C-alpha atoms as a PDB file:
ATOM      1  CA  MET A   1      33.417  68.367  29.062  1.00  0.00           C
ATOM      2  CA  VAL A   2      31.846  70.274  26.219  1.00  0.00           C
ATOM      3  CA  ASP A   3      34.281  73.069  26.772  1.00  0.00           C
ATOM      4  CA  CYS A   4      37.288  70.916  26.611  1.00  0.00           C
ATOM      5  CA  ILE A   5      35.968  69.728  23.283  1.00  0.00           C
ATOM      6  CA  ALA A   6      35.386  73.079  22.053  1.00  0.00           C
ATOM      7  CA  LEU A   7      38.862  74.233  23.112  1.00  0.00           C
ATOM      8  CA  ALA A   8      40.308  71.263  21.414  1.00  0.00           C
ATOM      9  CA  ARG A   9      38.698  72.076  18.110  1.00  0.00           C
ATOM     10  CA  ILE A  10      39.677  75.698  18.353  1.00  0.00           C
ATOM     11  CA  ILE A  11      43.183  74.819  18.763  1.00  0.00           C
ATOM     12  CA  GLN A  12      42.849  72.272  15.832  1.00  0.00           C
ATOM     13  CA  LEU A  13      41.329  75.045  13.487  1.00  0.00           C
ATOM     14  CA  GLU A  14      44.077  77.529  14.428  1.00  0.00           C
ATOM     15  CA  ASN A  15      46.728  74.822  13.680  1.00  0.00           C
ATOM     16  CA  GLU A  16      45.181  74.145  10.334  1.00  0.00           C
ATOM     17  CA  ALA A  17      44.966  77.745   9.486  1.00  0.00           C
ATOM     18  CA  ARG A  18      48.641  78.080  10.311  1.00  0.00           C
ATOM     19  CA  HIS A  19      49.550  75.169   8.193  1.00  0.00           C
ATOM     20  CA  ALA A  20      47.747  76.580   5.349  1.00  0.00           C
ATOM     21  CA  LEU A  21      49.463  79.769   5.687  1.00  0.00           C
ATOM     22  CA  TRP A  22      52.722  78.025   5.658  1.00  0.00           C
ATOM     23  CA  ARG A  23      52.006  76.143   2.434  1.00  0.00           C
ATOM     24  CA  ARG A  24      51.002  79.400   0.907  1.00  0.00           C
ATOM     25  CA  ASN A  25      53.916  81.410   2.286  1.00  0.00           C
ATOM     26  CA  GLU A  26      57.107  79.522   3.308  1.00  0.00           C
ATOM     27  CA  ASP A  27      58.646  82.724   4.929  1.00  0.00           C
ATOM     28  CA  ALA A  28      55.799  82.574   7.379  1.00  0.00           C
ATOM     29  CA  PHE A  29      56.972  79.496   8.849  1.00  0.00           C
ATOM     30  CA  TYR A  30      60.547  80.744   9.224  1.00  0.00           C
ATOM     31  CA  ARG A  31      59.469  84.029  10.711  1.00  0.00           C
ATOM     32  CA  GLU A  32      57.530  81.903  13.353  1.00  0.00           C
ATOM     33  CA  TYR A  33      60.031  79.355  14.190  1.00  0.00           C
ATOM     34  CA  GLY A  34      63.342  80.881  12.903  1.00  0.00           C
ATOM     35  CA  ARG A  35      64.207  82.500  16.226  1.00  0.00           C
ATOM     36  CA  ASP A  36      67.911  82.275  17.556  1.00  0.00           C
ATOM     37  CA  PRO A  37      68.296  79.853  20.446  1.00  0.00           C
ATOM     38  CA  LEU A  38      68.878  81.363  23.773  1.00  0.00           C
ATOM     39  CA  PRO A  39      72.399  82.357  24.469  1.00  0.00           C
ATOM     40  CA  LEU A  40      72.952  79.977  27.262  1.00  0.00           C
ATOM     41  CA  PHE A  41      71.808  77.019  25.228  1.00  0.00           C
ATOM     42  CA  ALA A  42      74.066  78.126  22.386  1.00  0.00           C
ATOM     43  CA  TRP A  43      76.979  78.419  24.755  1.00  0.00           C
ATOM     44  CA  PHE A  44      76.480  75.105  26.295  1.00  0.00           C
ATOM     45  CA  GLY A  45      76.343  73.367  22.864  1.00  0.00           C
ATOM     46  CA  ASN A  46      79.489  75.022  21.778  1.00  0.00           C
ATOM     47  CA  ALA A  47      81.178  73.984  24.928  1.00  0.00           C
ATOM     48  CA  LEU A  48      80.078  70.405  24.401  1.00  0.00           C
ATOM     49  CA  ASP A  49      81.230  70.514  20.671  1.00  0.00           C
ATOM     50  CA  THR A  50      84.544  71.936  21.657  1.00  0.00           C
ATOM     51  CA  GLY A  51      85.169  69.511  24.461  1.00  0.00           C
ATOM     52  CA  TYR A  52      84.252  66.486  22.347  1.00  0.00           C
ATOM     53  CA  ALA A  53      86.466  67.647  19.449  1.00  0.00           C
ATOM     54  CA  TRP A  54      89.129  68.218  22.011  1.00  0.00           C
ATOM     55  CA  PHE A  55      88.725  64.804  23.565  1.00  0.00           C
ATOM     56  CA  LYS A  56      88.906  62.962  20.097  1.00  0.00           C
ATOM     57  CA  THR A  57      92.085  64.952  18.939  1.00  0.00           C
ATOM     58  CA  LYS A  58      93.864  64.413  22.182  1.00  0.00           C
ATOM     59  CA  LYS A  59      94.248  60.637  21.399  1.00  0.00           C
ATOM     60  CA  ALA A  60      95.159  61.135  17.649  1.00  0.00           C
ATOM     61  CA  ASP A  61      97.852  63.853  18.319  1.00  0.00           C
ATOM     62  CA  ARG A  62      99.575  61.753  20.978  1.00  0.00           C
ATOM     63  CA  PRO A  63     103.033  60.807  19.601  1.00  0.00           C
ATOM     64  CA  ASP A  64     103.945  57.100  19.561  1.00  0.00           C
ATOM     65  CA  ILE A  65     107.729  57.390  20.026  1.00  0.00           C
ATOM     66  CA  GLY A  66     108.557  54.029  21.356  1.00  0.00           C
ATOM     67  CA  ARG A  67     106.646  52.134  18.686  1.00  0.00           C
ATOM     68  CA  SER A  68     108.117  51.575  15.286  1.00  0.00           C
ATOM     69  CA  ALA A  69     106.573  50.147  12.036  1.00  0.00           C
ATOM     70  CA  CYS A  70     108.541  47.101  12.383  1.00  0.00           C
ATOM     71  CA  ASP A  71     108.537  45.361  15.860  1.00  0.00           C
ATOM     72  CA  GLY A  72     111.454  42.811  15.956  1.00  0.00           C
ATOM     73  CA  ASN A  73     113.308  41.115  13.182  1.00  0.00           C
ATOM     74  CA  ASP A  74     110.287  39.790  11.330  1.00  0.00           C
ATOM     75  CA  CYS A  75     109.291  42.868   9.573  1.00  0.00           C
ATOM     76  CA  CYS A  76     106.350  42.828   7.373  1.00  0.00           C
ATOM     77  CA  ALA A  77     106.562  43.709   3.798  1.00  0.00           C
ATOM     78  CA  GLN A  78     104.311  46.871   4.012  1.00  0.00           C
ATOM     79  CA  ALA A  79     106.387  48.460   6.876  1.00  0.00           C
ATOM     80  CA  ALA A  80     109.694  47.660   4.952  1.00  0.00           C
ATOM     81  CA  SER A  81     108.353  49.307   1.736  1.00  0.00           C
ATOM     82  CA  ALA A  82     107.172  52.297   3.633  1.00  0.00           C
ATOM     83  CA  ARG A  83     110.700  52.995   4.921  1.00  0.00           C
ATOM     84  CA  ARG A  84     112.400  52.924   1.482  1.00  0.00           C
END
């Protein structure tokens, strides 16, 4: 039990020392945590981003050929003014 408490205290002191170093030198934080992600994770994230962008633009780029601004004889003023 005492060993676990001592180990927890050592970890806490190391974390406090690391945070103090980061407060003094911001570059130390970025050197420790600024590594590039693994290539597999980067590829998977890019694939998800590309797929989502393709899915969203697929609907927007679909042409509405059969639909006009004025459906029938009762055209609204906005549609009529847009055709002038």
